[in-house]
Amino acid sequence: MASIRSRRGKLFVDFRYMNMRCRETTNLTDTPANRKKLAKIIEKIEAEITLGIFDYAAYFPKSERAQEMTALADRAESCISRNPTFKEFSETFFEEKKIEWRPSYRQKIQIILEKYLLPEFGGKAVHAIKKSDLLTFRSSLAKVRYGKDGQSSLSVARINQIMILLRMILEEASDRHEFEMPYKNIRGCSR
């Protein structure tokens, strides 16, 4: 059961998630109206935790623990389901496909996996990757800067190469593990 407490005139929430005690401070001042408002939010949080759909970062985006709790939830979901993580499946995919590829293309695929796809999706269960995750990732690629001056950005062709590999992996995973392909109706980039 979550509780509402006050510290230095601000309200904070104390609850348990993934068998861990979580305490998050809010920007709400300690007033009866704000306590009532926060109590409704807590009810919703507890319901989502019970249903297994709680998104820590959605409620506490500025929290230092948001990324840690999201990663923990992704690992737990992967363990509960029979579906592998993106990292596990991409390794299988690479091993099975590398016989079809030239050494130079194999190297290119490894670079894309290690530099872009695994840091973003590695710990997530393949079936848990949603279309919104793919669109957010594609947008983030357009913001990647490199070079000595940090002025260069990824070309449209490079972004499309990364997204095509992601689509190939997710397509194969959805066929093998029988989940809906999240890559539907996502077009290539153009500038």
N, C-alpha and C. Protein backbone atom coordinates (compact mmCIF):
# COMPACT_ATOMS: atom_id res chain seq x y z
N MET A 1 0.85 -1.19 0.00
CA MET A 1 0.00 0.00 0.00
C MET A 1 0.88 1.24 0.00
N ALA A 2 0.64 2.11 -0.93
CA ALA A 2 1.41 3.34 -1.05
C ALA A 2 0.95 4.35 0.00
N SER A 3 1.86 5.24 0.35
CA SER A 3 1.50 6.28 1.31
C SER A 3 1.98 7.64 0.81
N ILE A 4 1.33 8.66 1.33
CA ILE A 4 1.68 10.04 0.99
C ILE A 4 2.29 10.65 2.25
N ARG A 5 3.44 11.28 2.06
CA ARG A 5 4.11 11.93 3.18
C ARG A 5 4.58 13.31 2.75
N SER A 6 5.00 14.07 3.72
CA SER A 6 5.46 15.42 3.45
C SER A 6 6.88 15.60 3.94
N ARG A 7 7.66 16.31 3.15
CA ARG A 7 9.03 16.63 3.52
C ARG A 7 9.33 18.04 3.02
N ARG A 8 9.70 18.89 3.92
CA ARG A 8 10.01 20.30 3.59
C ARG A 8 8.88 20.97 2.82
N GLY A 9 7.65 20.67 3.20
CA GLY A 9 6.49 21.32 2.60
C GLY A 9 6.05 20.73 1.27
N LYS A 10 6.76 19.74 0.75
CA LYS A 10 6.41 19.08 -0.51
C LYS A 10 5.94 17.66 -0.23
N LEU A 11 5.01 17.18 -1.04
CA LEU A 11 4.50 15.83 -0.89
C LEU A 11 5.39 14.83 -1.62
N PHE A 12 5.54 13.66 -1.03
CA PHE A 12 6.22 12.59 -1.73
C PHE A 12 5.45 11.29 -1.55
N VAL A 13 5.65 10.39 -2.51
CA VAL A 13 4.96 9.11 -2.55
C VAL A 13 5.94 8.02 -2.13
N ASP A 14 5.46 7.11 -1.31
CA ASP A 14 6.27 5.99 -0.84
C ASP A 14 5.50 4.72 -1.22
N PHE A 15 6.06 3.90 -2.13
CA PHE A 15 5.37 2.69 -2.59
C PHE A 15 6.38 1.62 -2.95
N ARG A 16 5.87 0.41 -3.22
CA ARG A 16 6.73 -0.71 -3.60
C ARG A 16 6.44 -1.09 -5.06
N TYR A 17 7.53 -1.28 -5.81
CA TYR A 17 7.42 -1.69 -7.20
C TYR A 17 8.57 -2.66 -7.49
N MET A 18 8.27 -3.79 -8.06
CA MET A 18 9.26 -4.83 -8.37
C MET A 18 10.02 -5.23 -7.10
N ASN A 19 9.29 -5.34 -5.99
CA ASN A 19 9.86 -5.69 -4.68
C ASN A 19 10.92 -4.72 -4.20
N MET A 20 10.82 -3.48 -4.65
CA MET A 20 11.75 -2.43 -4.20
C MET A 20 10.95 -1.27 -3.64
N ARG A 21 11.46 -0.67 -2.60
CA ARG A 21 10.81 0.51 -2.03
C ARG A 21 11.17 1.71 -2.88
N CYS A 22 10.15 2.43 -3.30
CA CYS A 22 10.35 3.61 -4.15
C CYS A 22 9.78 4.83 -3.43
N ARG A 23 10.56 5.88 -3.39
CA ARG A 23 10.12 7.15 -2.82
C ARG A 23 10.38 8.23 -3.85
N GLU A 24 9.32 8.89 -4.25
CA GLU A 24 9.45 9.93 -5.26
C GLU A 24 8.82 11.23 -4.77
N THR A 25 9.56 12.29 -4.84
CA THR A 25 9.08 13.60 -4.43
C THR A 25 8.29 14.22 -5.58
N THR A 26 7.23 14.93 -5.23
CA THR A 26 6.43 15.65 -6.23
C THR A 26 6.66 17.15 -6.07
N ASN A 27 6.13 17.93 -6.97
CA ASN A 27 6.21 19.39 -6.86
C ASN A 27 5.00 19.96 -6.14
N LEU A 28 4.14 19.08 -5.63
CA LEU A 28 2.93 19.53 -4.95
C LEU A 28 3.22 19.95 -3.52
N THR A 29 2.66 21.09 -3.14
CA THR A 29 2.81 21.53 -1.75
C THR A 29 1.84 20.74 -0.89
N ASP A 30 2.13 20.67 0.40
CA ASP A 30 1.33 19.88 1.32
C ASP A 30 0.05 20.63 1.70
N THR A 31 -0.99 20.40 0.89
CA THR A 31 -2.32 20.95 1.18
C THR A 31 -3.33 19.81 1.08
N PRO A 32 -4.50 19.96 1.72
CA PRO A 32 -5.51 18.89 1.63
C PRO A 32 -5.94 18.60 0.19
N ALA A 33 -6.04 19.62 -0.64
CA ALA A 33 -6.45 19.43 -2.04
C ALA A 33 -5.39 18.62 -2.80
N ASN A 34 -4.12 18.95 -2.58
CA ASN A 34 -3.04 18.23 -3.26
C ASN A 34 -2.91 16.79 -2.76
N ARG A 35 -3.16 16.57 -1.47
CA ARG A 35 -3.14 15.20 -0.93
C ARG A 35 -4.23 14.36 -1.59
N LYS A 36 -5.40 14.96 -1.78
CA LYS A 36 -6.52 14.25 -2.43
C LYS A 36 -6.18 13.94 -3.89
N LYS A 37 -5.59 14.91 -4.56
CA LYS A 37 -5.18 14.74 -5.96
C LYS A 37 -4.14 13.62 -6.07
N LEU A 38 -3.16 13.63 -5.17
CA LEU A 38 -2.10 12.62 -5.18
C LEU A 38 -2.64 11.24 -4.81
N ALA A 39 -3.65 11.19 -3.96
CA ALA A 39 -4.26 9.90 -3.59
C ALA A 39 -4.89 9.23 -4.81
N LYS A 40 -5.50 10.02 -5.68
CA LYS A 40 -6.09 9.46 -6.91
C LYS A 40 -5.00 8.94 -7.84
N ILE A 41 -3.91 9.66 -7.93
CA ILE A 41 -2.79 9.22 -8.77
C ILE A 41 -2.21 7.92 -8.22
N ILE A 42 -2.09 7.82 -6.91
CA ILE A 42 -1.58 6.60 -6.28
C ILE A 42 -2.48 5.41 -6.57
N GLU A 43 -3.80 5.62 -6.51
CA GLU A 43 -4.74 4.54 -6.84
C GLU A 43 -4.47 4.01 -8.24
N LYS A 44 -4.28 4.93 -9.17
CA LYS A 44 -4.01 4.55 -10.56
C LYS A 44 -2.68 3.80 -10.67
N ILE A 45 -1.66 4.28 -9.97
CA ILE A 45 -0.35 3.62 -9.98
C ILE A 45 -0.47 2.20 -9.46
N GLU A 46 -1.15 2.04 -8.33
CA GLU A 46 -1.30 0.70 -7.74
C GLU A 46 -2.07 -0.24 -8.65
N ALA A 47 -3.09 0.29 -9.34
CA ALA A 47 -3.86 -0.54 -10.28
C ALA A 47 -2.97 -0.98 -11.44
N GLU A 48 -2.16 -0.07 -11.97
CA GLU A 48 -1.27 -0.41 -13.08
C GLU A 48 -0.19 -1.39 -12.65
N ILE A 49 0.30 -1.27 -11.43
CA ILE A 49 1.29 -2.23 -10.92
C ILE A 49 0.65 -3.61 -10.83
N THR A 50 -0.57 -3.67 -10.33
CA THR A 50 -1.28 -4.95 -10.22
C THR A 50 -1.51 -5.58 -11.59
N LEU A 51 -1.87 -4.76 -12.57
CA LEU A 51 -2.12 -5.27 -13.93
C LEU A 51 -0.84 -5.54 -14.71
N GLY A 52 0.28 -5.08 -14.19
CA GLY A 52 1.56 -5.29 -14.86
C GLY A 52 1.82 -4.34 -16.01
N ILE A 53 1.16 -3.17 -15.99
CA ILE A 53 1.33 -2.20 -17.09
C ILE A 53 1.91 -0.87 -16.60
N PHE A 54 2.46 -0.85 -15.40
CA PHE A 54 2.98 0.38 -14.83
C PHE A 54 4.25 0.81 -15.56
N ASP A 55 4.29 2.08 -15.96
CA ASP A 55 5.46 2.66 -16.61
C ASP A 55 6.03 3.71 -15.67
N TYR A 56 7.10 3.36 -15.00
CA TYR A 56 7.72 4.22 -13.98
C TYR A 56 8.08 5.59 -14.55
N ALA A 57 8.68 5.59 -15.73
CA ALA A 57 9.14 6.84 -16.34
C ALA A 57 7.99 7.75 -16.74
N ALA A 58 6.81 7.20 -16.99
CA ALA A 58 5.67 8.03 -17.37
C ALA A 58 5.18 8.85 -16.17
N TYR A 59 5.25 8.28 -14.98
CA TYR A 59 4.82 8.99 -13.78
C TYR A 59 5.92 9.86 -13.18
N PHE A 60 7.15 9.39 -13.28
CA PHE A 60 8.27 10.09 -12.67
C PHE A 60 9.39 10.29 -13.69
N PRO A 61 9.17 11.10 -14.73
CA PRO A 61 10.15 11.23 -15.82
C PRO A 61 11.49 11.84 -15.38
N LYS A 62 11.49 12.66 -14.34
CA LYS A 62 12.74 13.31 -13.91
C LYS A 62 13.45 12.53 -12.81
N SER A 63 12.90 11.39 -12.45
CA SER A 63 13.48 10.59 -11.38
C SER A 63 14.82 9.99 -11.80
N GLU A 64 15.73 9.92 -10.84
CA GLU A 64 17.02 9.28 -11.09
C GLU A 64 16.86 7.77 -11.27
N ARG A 65 15.78 7.21 -10.71
CA ARG A 65 15.56 5.77 -10.77
C ARG A 65 14.73 5.34 -11.98
N ALA A 66 14.22 6.27 -12.77
CA ALA A 66 13.32 5.93 -13.87
C ALA A 66 13.97 4.96 -14.85
N GLN A 67 15.17 5.25 -15.28
CA GLN A 67 15.85 4.39 -16.25
C GLN A 67 16.15 3.02 -15.63
N GLU A 68 16.59 3.01 -14.38
CA GLU A 68 16.89 1.75 -13.69
C GLU A 68 15.63 0.89 -13.56
N MET A 69 14.52 1.50 -13.17
CA MET A 69 13.27 0.75 -12.98
C MET A 69 12.71 0.26 -14.32
N THR A 70 12.85 1.04 -15.38
CA THR A 70 12.40 0.63 -16.70
C THR A 70 13.21 -0.57 -17.18
N ALA A 71 14.52 -0.52 -16.99
CA ALA A 71 15.37 -1.65 -17.39
C ALA A 71 15.03 -2.89 -16.57
N LEU A 72 14.78 -2.72 -15.29
CA LEU A 72 14.41 -3.84 -14.42
C LEU A 72 13.08 -4.46 -14.87
N ALA A 73 12.12 -3.62 -15.22
CA ALA A 73 10.83 -4.12 -15.70
C ALA A 73 10.97 -4.85 -17.03
N ASP A 74 11.82 -4.34 -17.91
CA ASP A 74 12.06 -5.00 -19.20
C ASP A 74 12.68 -6.38 -19.00
N ARG A 75 13.66 -6.47 -18.10
CA ARG A 75 14.28 -7.77 -17.82
C ARG A 75 13.28 -8.74 -17.21
N ALA A 76 12.45 -8.25 -16.31
CA ALA A 76 11.45 -9.12 -15.67
C ALA A 76 10.46 -9.62 -16.70
N GLU A 77 10.03 -8.74 -17.61
CA GLU A 77 9.08 -9.15 -18.64
C GLU A 77 9.68 -10.20 -19.56
N SER A 78 10.95 -10.03 -19.87
CA SER A 78 11.63 -11.00 -20.71
C SER A 78 11.73 -12.36 -20.02
N CYS A 79 11.96 -12.36 -18.71
CA CYS A 79 12.07 -13.61 -17.95
C CYS A 79 10.72 -14.31 -17.84
N ILE A 80 9.66 -13.53 -17.65
CA ILE A 80 8.32 -14.10 -17.50
C ILE A 80 7.84 -14.71 -18.81
N SER A 81 8.08 -14.02 -19.89
CA SER A 81 7.59 -14.49 -21.18
C SER A 81 8.55 -15.54 -21.75
N ARG A 82 8.12 -16.21 -22.77
CA ARG A 82 8.99 -17.18 -23.43
C ARG A 82 9.76 -16.51 -24.56
N ASN A 83 9.55 -15.23 -24.74
CA ASN A 83 10.23 -14.49 -25.81
C ASN A 83 11.59 -13.99 -25.33
N PRO A 84 12.59 -14.06 -26.18
CA PRO A 84 13.94 -13.62 -25.81
C PRO A 84 14.04 -12.09 -25.82
N THR A 85 15.14 -11.60 -25.27
CA THR A 85 15.40 -10.16 -25.36
C THR A 85 15.86 -9.86 -26.79
N PHE A 86 15.85 -8.59 -27.14
CA PHE A 86 16.30 -8.19 -28.47
C PHE A 86 17.75 -8.61 -28.67
N LYS A 87 18.57 -8.47 -27.64
CA LYS A 87 19.99 -8.85 -27.75
C LYS A 87 20.13 -10.34 -28.05
N GLU A 88 19.40 -11.16 -27.32
CA GLU A 88 19.49 -12.61 -27.53
C GLU A 88 19.03 -12.98 -28.94
N PHE A 89 17.90 -12.40 -29.36
CA PHE A 89 17.39 -12.76 -30.67
C PHE A 89 18.28 -12.23 -31.79
N SER A 90 18.83 -11.02 -31.62
CA SER A 90 19.70 -10.47 -32.68
C SER A 90 20.97 -11.30 -32.84
N GLU A 91 21.47 -11.87 -31.74
CA GLU A 91 22.64 -12.75 -31.84
C GLU A 91 22.30 -14.00 -32.64
N THR A 92 21.13 -14.58 -32.36
CA THR A 92 20.67 -15.76 -33.11
C THR A 92 20.48 -15.41 -34.58
N PHE A 93 19.84 -14.28 -34.83
CA PHE A 93 19.58 -13.80 -36.19
C PHE A 93 20.89 -13.64 -36.95
N PHE A 94 21.87 -13.00 -36.31
CA PHE A 94 23.16 -12.76 -36.96
C PHE A 94 23.86 -14.07 -37.29
N GLU A 95 23.89 -14.99 -36.34
CA GLU A 95 24.55 -16.28 -36.57
C GLU A 95 23.90 -17.05 -37.72
N GLU A 96 22.59 -17.00 -37.83
CA GLU A 96 21.89 -17.73 -38.88
C GLU A 96 22.05 -17.06 -40.25
N LYS A 97 22.13 -15.75 -40.27
CA LYS A 97 22.17 -15.01 -41.53
C LYS A 97 23.57 -14.77 -42.07
N LYS A 98 24.58 -14.82 -41.21
CA LYS A 98 25.91 -14.41 -41.66
C LYS A 98 26.44 -15.25 -42.81
N ILE A 99 25.98 -16.46 -42.96
CA ILE A 99 26.42 -17.31 -44.07
C ILE A 99 25.97 -16.73 -45.41
N GLU A 100 24.89 -15.96 -45.40
CA GLU A 100 24.35 -15.36 -46.63
C GLU A 100 25.06 -14.05 -47.01
N TRP A 101 25.80 -13.48 -46.08
CA TRP A 101 26.37 -12.15 -46.26
C TRP A 101 27.87 -12.19 -46.55
N ARG A 102 28.31 -11.23 -47.33
CA ARG A 102 29.74 -11.04 -47.57
C ARG A 102 30.39 -10.54 -46.27
N PRO A 103 31.70 -10.77 -46.12
CA PRO A 103 32.38 -10.30 -44.90
C PRO A 103 32.22 -8.80 -44.65
N SER A 104 32.27 -7.99 -45.69
CA SER A 104 32.14 -6.54 -45.51
C SER A 104 30.74 -6.17 -45.01
N TYR A 105 29.71 -6.87 -45.53
CA TYR A 105 28.33 -6.60 -45.09
C TYR A 105 28.13 -7.09 -43.65
N ARG A 106 28.74 -8.24 -43.33
CA ARG A 106 28.69 -8.77 -41.96
C ARG A 106 29.24 -7.75 -40.97
N GLN A 107 30.36 -7.15 -41.34
CA GLN A 107 30.99 -6.15 -40.47
C GLN A 107 30.08 -4.93 -40.31
N LYS A 108 29.46 -4.51 -41.39
CA LYS A 108 28.55 -3.37 -41.36
C LYS A 108 27.37 -3.66 -40.43
N ILE A 109 26.82 -4.88 -40.49
CA ILE A 109 25.70 -5.27 -39.64
C ILE A 109 26.12 -5.28 -38.17
N GLN A 110 27.31 -5.79 -37.89
CA GLN A 110 27.81 -5.82 -36.51
C GLN A 110 27.95 -4.41 -35.95
N ILE A 111 28.43 -3.49 -36.76
CA ILE A 111 28.59 -2.10 -36.32
C ILE A 111 27.23 -1.49 -35.99
N ILE A 112 26.26 -1.71 -36.86
CA ILE A 112 24.92 -1.17 -36.62
C ILE A 112 24.33 -1.76 -35.34
N LEU A 113 24.48 -3.06 -35.16
CA LEU A 113 23.96 -3.70 -33.95
C LEU A 113 24.62 -3.12 -32.70
N GLU A 114 25.94 -3.09 -32.68
CA GLU A 114 26.67 -2.68 -31.48
C GLU A 114 26.54 -1.19 -31.17
N LYS A 115 26.50 -0.37 -32.22
CA LYS A 115 26.50 1.07 -32.00
C LYS A 115 25.11 1.66 -31.81
N TYR A 116 24.10 1.10 -32.46
CA TYR A 116 22.78 1.72 -32.44
C TYR A 116 21.67 0.85 -31.84
N LEU A 117 21.53 -0.39 -32.31
CA LEU A 117 20.36 -1.19 -31.93
C LEU A 117 20.45 -1.79 -30.53
N LEU A 118 21.58 -2.38 -30.19
CA LEU A 118 21.69 -3.02 -28.87
C LEU A 118 21.64 -2.02 -27.71
N PRO A 119 22.29 -0.86 -27.81
CA PRO A 119 22.15 0.09 -26.70
C PRO A 119 20.70 0.54 -26.49
N GLU A 120 19.94 0.61 -27.56
CA GLU A 120 18.55 1.08 -27.45
C GLU A 120 17.59 -0.02 -27.05
N PHE A 121 17.69 -1.20 -27.66
CA PHE A 121 16.69 -2.25 -27.47
C PHE A 121 17.23 -3.52 -26.81
N GLY A 122 18.52 -3.62 -26.55
CA GLY A 122 19.15 -4.85 -26.09
C GLY A 122 18.47 -5.59 -24.96
N GLY A 123 18.07 -4.89 -23.90
CA GLY A 123 17.47 -5.55 -22.74
C GLY A 123 15.98 -5.76 -22.83
N LYS A 124 15.35 -5.25 -23.87
CA LYS A 124 13.90 -5.35 -24.00
C LYS A 124 13.51 -6.67 -24.64
N ALA A 125 12.41 -7.26 -24.17
CA ALA A 125 11.89 -8.46 -24.82
C ALA A 125 11.42 -8.08 -26.22
N VAL A 126 11.67 -8.95 -27.19
CA VAL A 126 11.33 -8.60 -28.58
C VAL A 126 9.84 -8.29 -28.75
N HIS A 127 8.99 -9.01 -28.03
CA HIS A 127 7.54 -8.77 -28.19
C HIS A 127 7.09 -7.48 -27.51
N ALA A 128 7.93 -6.91 -26.64
CA ALA A 128 7.56 -5.70 -25.91
C ALA A 128 7.93 -4.42 -26.66
N ILE A 129 8.62 -4.55 -27.78
CA ILE A 129 8.99 -3.37 -28.56
C ILE A 129 7.76 -2.92 -29.35
N LYS A 130 7.40 -1.68 -29.18
CA LYS A 130 6.19 -1.12 -29.79
C LYS A 130 6.54 -0.16 -30.92
N LYS A 131 5.54 0.14 -31.72
CA LYS A 131 5.73 1.07 -32.84
C LYS A 131 6.23 2.43 -32.34
N SER A 132 5.70 2.88 -31.22
CA SER A 132 6.14 4.17 -30.67
C SER A 132 7.63 4.14 -30.32
N ASP A 133 8.13 3.00 -29.83
CA ASP A 133 9.57 2.87 -29.53
C ASP A 133 10.40 3.02 -30.81
N LEU A 134 9.89 2.43 -31.90
CA LEU A 134 10.61 2.48 -33.18
C LEU A 134 10.64 3.90 -33.73
N LEU A 135 9.51 4.60 -33.65
CA LEU A 135 9.44 5.97 -34.15
C LEU A 135 10.32 6.91 -33.32
N THR A 136 10.33 6.72 -32.01
CA THR A 136 11.18 7.53 -31.14
C THR A 136 12.65 7.28 -31.45
N PHE A 137 12.99 6.01 -31.66
CA PHE A 137 14.37 5.65 -31.98
C PHE A 137 14.78 6.28 -33.30
N ARG A 138 13.92 6.20 -34.32
CA ARG A 138 14.24 6.79 -35.62
C ARG A 138 14.47 8.30 -35.49
N SER A 139 13.63 8.95 -34.70
CA SER A 139 13.80 10.40 -34.48
C SER A 139 15.12 10.69 -33.79
N SER A 140 15.49 9.84 -32.83
CA SER A 140 16.75 10.07 -32.11
C SER A 140 17.96 9.91 -33.03
N LEU A 141 17.85 9.03 -34.04
CA LEU A 141 18.96 8.86 -34.98
C LEU A 141 19.22 10.13 -35.77
N ALA A 142 18.18 10.87 -36.06
CA ALA A 142 18.34 12.12 -36.82
C ALA A 142 19.08 13.17 -36.00
N LYS A 143 19.11 13.00 -34.68
CA LYS A 143 19.77 13.97 -33.80
C LYS A 143 21.19 13.57 -33.43
N VAL A 144 21.63 12.38 -33.87
CA VAL A 144 22.98 11.91 -33.55
C VAL A 144 24.01 12.81 -34.24
N ARG A 145 24.98 13.28 -33.47
CA ARG A 145 26.06 14.13 -34.00
C ARG A 145 27.38 13.39 -33.82
N TYR A 146 28.27 13.55 -34.78
CA TYR A 146 29.58 12.92 -34.69
C TYR A 146 30.59 13.80 -35.39
N GLY A 147 31.82 13.36 -35.39
CA GLY A 147 32.90 14.15 -36.00
C GLY A 147 33.60 14.98 -34.95
N LYS A 148 34.74 15.51 -35.32
CA LYS A 148 35.53 16.30 -34.36
C LYS A 148 34.79 17.54 -33.91
N ASP A 149 34.07 18.16 -34.84
CA ASP A 149 33.36 19.39 -34.51
C ASP A 149 31.93 19.13 -34.03
N GLY A 150 31.46 17.90 -34.13
CA GLY A 150 30.10 17.57 -33.70
C GLY A 150 29.03 18.18 -34.59
N GLN A 151 29.42 18.56 -35.79
CA GLN A 151 28.48 19.21 -36.71
C GLN A 151 27.86 18.23 -37.70
N SER A 152 28.45 17.07 -37.86
CA SER A 152 27.94 16.10 -38.84
C SER A 152 26.82 15.28 -38.22
N SER A 153 25.83 14.94 -39.03
CA SER A 153 24.74 14.09 -38.55
C SER A 153 24.63 12.88 -39.48
N LEU A 154 23.90 11.88 -39.03
CA LEU A 154 23.72 10.68 -39.85
C LEU A 154 22.94 11.02 -41.11
N SER A 155 23.35 10.45 -42.21
CA SER A 155 22.64 10.68 -43.47
C SER A 155 21.33 9.90 -43.47
N VAL A 156 20.45 10.30 -44.35
CA VAL A 156 19.17 9.60 -44.51
C VAL A 156 19.41 8.15 -44.89
N ALA A 157 20.38 7.91 -45.76
CA ALA A 157 20.69 6.55 -46.19
C ALA A 157 21.15 5.70 -44.99
N ARG A 158 21.97 6.29 -44.12
CA ARG A 158 22.46 5.54 -42.95
C ARG A 158 21.32 5.24 -41.97
N ILE A 159 20.48 6.21 -41.73
CA ILE A 159 19.32 5.99 -40.86
C ILE A 159 18.44 4.88 -41.43
N ASN A 160 18.22 4.90 -42.73
CA ASN A 160 17.41 3.85 -43.36
C ASN A 160 18.08 2.47 -43.25
N GLN A 161 19.42 2.41 -43.37
CA GLN A 161 20.13 1.13 -43.21
C GLN A 161 19.91 0.57 -41.80
N ILE A 162 19.98 1.44 -40.81
CA ILE A 162 19.79 1.02 -39.42
C ILE A 162 18.36 0.52 -39.22
N MET A 163 17.41 1.27 -39.75
CA MET A 163 15.99 0.90 -39.58
C MET A 163 15.64 -0.37 -40.36
N ILE A 164 16.26 -0.58 -41.50
CA ILE A 164 16.00 -1.80 -42.28
C ILE A 164 16.48 -3.03 -41.51
N LEU A 165 17.66 -2.95 -40.91
CA LEU A 165 18.14 -4.07 -40.11
C LEU A 165 17.21 -4.33 -38.93
N LEU A 166 16.77 -3.27 -38.28
CA LEU A 166 15.83 -3.41 -37.17
C LEU A 166 14.54 -4.08 -37.63
N ARG A 167 14.04 -3.67 -38.79
CA ARG A 167 12.82 -4.29 -39.34
C ARG A 167 13.04 -5.77 -39.63
N MET A 168 14.18 -6.12 -40.22
CA MET A 168 14.46 -7.52 -40.54
C MET A 168 14.48 -8.39 -39.28
N ILE A 169 15.11 -7.89 -38.23
CA ILE A 169 15.21 -8.65 -36.98
C ILE A 169 13.82 -8.81 -36.36
N LEU A 170 13.06 -7.72 -36.30
CA LEU A 170 11.72 -7.78 -35.69
C LEU A 170 10.76 -8.64 -36.50
N GLU A 171 10.90 -8.60 -37.83
CA GLU A 171 10.05 -9.42 -38.69
C GLU A 171 10.30 -10.91 -38.42
N GLU A 172 11.55 -11.29 -38.34
CA GLU A 172 11.89 -12.69 -38.07
C GLU A 172 11.44 -13.09 -36.66
N ALA A 173 11.63 -12.20 -35.69
CA ALA A 173 11.22 -12.50 -34.32
C ALA A 173 9.71 -12.66 -34.22
N SER A 174 8.96 -11.80 -34.92
CA SER A 174 7.49 -11.90 -34.87
C SER A 174 7.00 -13.18 -35.52
N ASP A 175 7.69 -13.64 -36.57
CA ASP A 175 7.32 -14.91 -37.20
C ASP A 175 7.58 -16.09 -36.26
N ARG A 176 8.72 -16.09 -35.63
CA ARG A 176 9.10 -17.23 -34.78
C ARG A 176 8.37 -17.27 -33.45
N HIS A 177 8.12 -16.10 -32.88
CA HIS A 177 7.55 -16.05 -31.53
C HIS A 177 6.09 -15.60 -31.51
N GLU A 178 5.52 -15.49 -32.68
CA GLU A 178 4.09 -15.25 -32.86
C GLU A 178 3.56 -14.05 -32.07
N PHE A 179 4.08 -12.89 -32.40
CA PHE A 179 3.53 -11.65 -31.88
C PHE A 179 3.36 -10.69 -33.04
N GLU A 180 2.57 -9.66 -32.84
CA GLU A 180 2.28 -8.72 -33.92
C GLU A 180 3.51 -7.87 -34.23
N MET A 181 3.81 -7.77 -35.50
CA MET A 181 4.97 -7.01 -35.97
C MET A 181 4.76 -5.52 -35.69
N PRO A 182 5.64 -4.89 -34.89
CA PRO A 182 5.45 -3.49 -34.55
C PRO A 182 5.87 -2.53 -35.67
N TYR A 183 6.52 -3.04 -36.69
CA TYR A 183 7.10 -2.18 -37.73
C TYR A 183 6.10 -1.84 -38.85
N LYS A 184 4.83 -2.15 -38.68
CA LYS A 184 3.85 -1.89 -39.73
C LYS A 184 3.72 -0.41 -40.05
N ASN A 185 3.66 -0.10 -41.34
CA ASN A 185 3.41 1.25 -41.85
C ASN A 185 4.44 2.29 -41.43
N ILE A 186 5.66 1.88 -41.21
CA ILE A 186 6.73 2.85 -40.95
C ILE A 186 7.52 2.98 -42.24
N ARG A 187 7.51 4.15 -42.79
CA ARG A 187 8.20 4.41 -44.05
C ARG A 187 9.66 4.79 -43.79
N GLY A 188 10.46 4.77 -44.83
CA GLY A 188 11.85 5.19 -44.72
C GLY A 188 11.94 6.69 -44.55
N CYS A 189 13.10 7.14 -44.16
CA CYS A 189 13.33 8.58 -43.93
C CYS A 189 13.57 9.28 -45.27
N SER A 190 13.25 10.55 -45.28
CA SER A 190 13.59 11.40 -46.41
C SER A 190 13.76 12.82 -45.88
N ARG A 191 14.64 13.55 -46.52
CA ARG A 191 14.87 14.95 -46.07
C ARG A 191 14.66 15.88 -47.22
